[in-house]
Amino acid sequence: MRGWRRAFGTLLVLTPLLVLVGLGLLAVLLGSMGMDIHWTSKGPFYVTATSGVLILCACVMAGVHLRKNPRA
């Protein structure tokens, strides 16, 4: 029953690509509806960007760990 580890690990490794594609599609959709997202200050943007990068790195590391180790 180790197939789920490989499949879930692959999904976690591909998470950054899926997020980039999803954000791109969301930006196109919102832009076509005439909506813009504006940050009123730089603080929330930096917090959001840093959190996002850390979460995506953690997803990749967990995915690599799941794919490498046959047993946790």
Protein backbone atom coordinates (compact mmCIF):
# COMPACT_ATOMS: atom_id res chain seq x y z
CA MET A 1 0.00 0.00 0.00
CA ARG A 2 2.90 2.38 -0.71
CA GLY A 3 1.34 3.67 -3.92
CA TRP A 4 -0.48 6.44 -2.09
CA ARG A 5 2.85 7.82 -0.78
CA ARG A 6 4.24 8.11 -4.30
CA ALA A 7 1.06 9.67 -5.69
CA PHE A 8 0.66 12.13 -2.82
CA GLY A 9 4.37 12.98 -2.93
CA THR A 10 4.13 13.72 -6.64
CA LEU A 11 1.15 15.99 -6.02
CA LEU A 12 3.04 17.86 -3.30
CA VAL A 13 6.11 18.27 -5.53
CA LEU A 14 3.91 19.67 -8.31
CA THR A 15 2.07 22.06 -5.95
CA PRO A 16 4.14 25.17 -6.90
CA LEU A 17 3.39 24.60 -10.59
CA LEU A 18 -0.31 24.10 -9.86
CA VAL A 19 -0.38 27.28 -7.74
CA LEU A 20 1.29 29.34 -10.47
CA VAL A 21 -1.13 28.07 -13.11
CA GLY A 22 -4.09 28.63 -10.78
CA LEU A 23 -3.01 32.18 -9.89
CA GLY A 24 -2.46 32.94 -13.56
CA LEU A 25 -5.95 31.76 -14.46
CA LEU A 26 -7.41 33.68 -11.52
CA ALA A 27 -5.59 36.85 -12.60
CA VAL A 28 -6.89 36.50 -16.16
CA LEU A 29 -10.42 35.89 -14.91
CA LEU A 30 -10.39 38.85 -12.51
CA GLY A 31 -8.74 41.08 -15.11
CA SER A 32 -11.37 40.22 -17.70
CA MET A 33 -14.05 41.25 -15.21
CA GLY A 34 -12.30 44.59 -14.66
CA MET A 35 -11.14 43.86 -11.11
CA ASP A 36 -7.72 44.89 -9.85
CA ILE A 37 -6.03 43.95 -6.61
CA HIS A 38 -4.09 46.78 -5.00
CA TRP A 39 -1.99 46.55 -1.88
CA THR A 40 -2.40 49.69 0.20
CA SER A 41 0.92 49.14 1.95
CA LYS A 42 3.95 46.94 1.40
CA GLY A 43 3.79 45.18 4.78
CA PRO A 44 0.90 42.79 4.02
CA PHE A 45 2.38 42.01 0.61
CA TYR A 46 5.71 40.97 2.11
CA VAL A 47 4.02 38.87 4.78
CA THR A 48 1.85 37.15 2.18
CA ALA A 49 4.73 36.55 -0.22
CA THR A 50 7.02 35.18 2.50
CA SER A 51 4.30 32.89 3.86
CA GLY A 52 3.47 31.63 0.39
CA VAL A 53 7.09 30.85 -0.44
CA LEU A 54 7.59 29.02 2.86
CA ILE A 55 4.44 26.94 2.37
CA LEU A 56 5.40 26.01 -1.19
CA CYS A 57 8.93 25.03 -0.10
CA ALA A 58 7.48 22.89 2.69
CA CYS A 59 5.18 21.16 0.19
CA VAL A 60 8.09 20.34 -2.10
CA MET A 61 10.23 19.06 0.78
CA ALA A 62 7.39 16.88 2.10
CA GLY A 63 6.74 15.53 -1.40
CA VAL A 64 10.38 14.62 -1.93
CA HIS A 65 10.44 12.93 1.50
CA LEU A 66 7.33 10.90 0.69
CA ARG A 67 8.67 9.84 -2.70
CA LYS A 68 12.13 8.87 -1.36
CA ASN A 69 11.30 6.95 1.81
CA PRO A 70 9.26 3.78 1.27
CA ARG A 71 8.42 3.81 4.96
CA ALA A 72 8.00 6.78 7.28
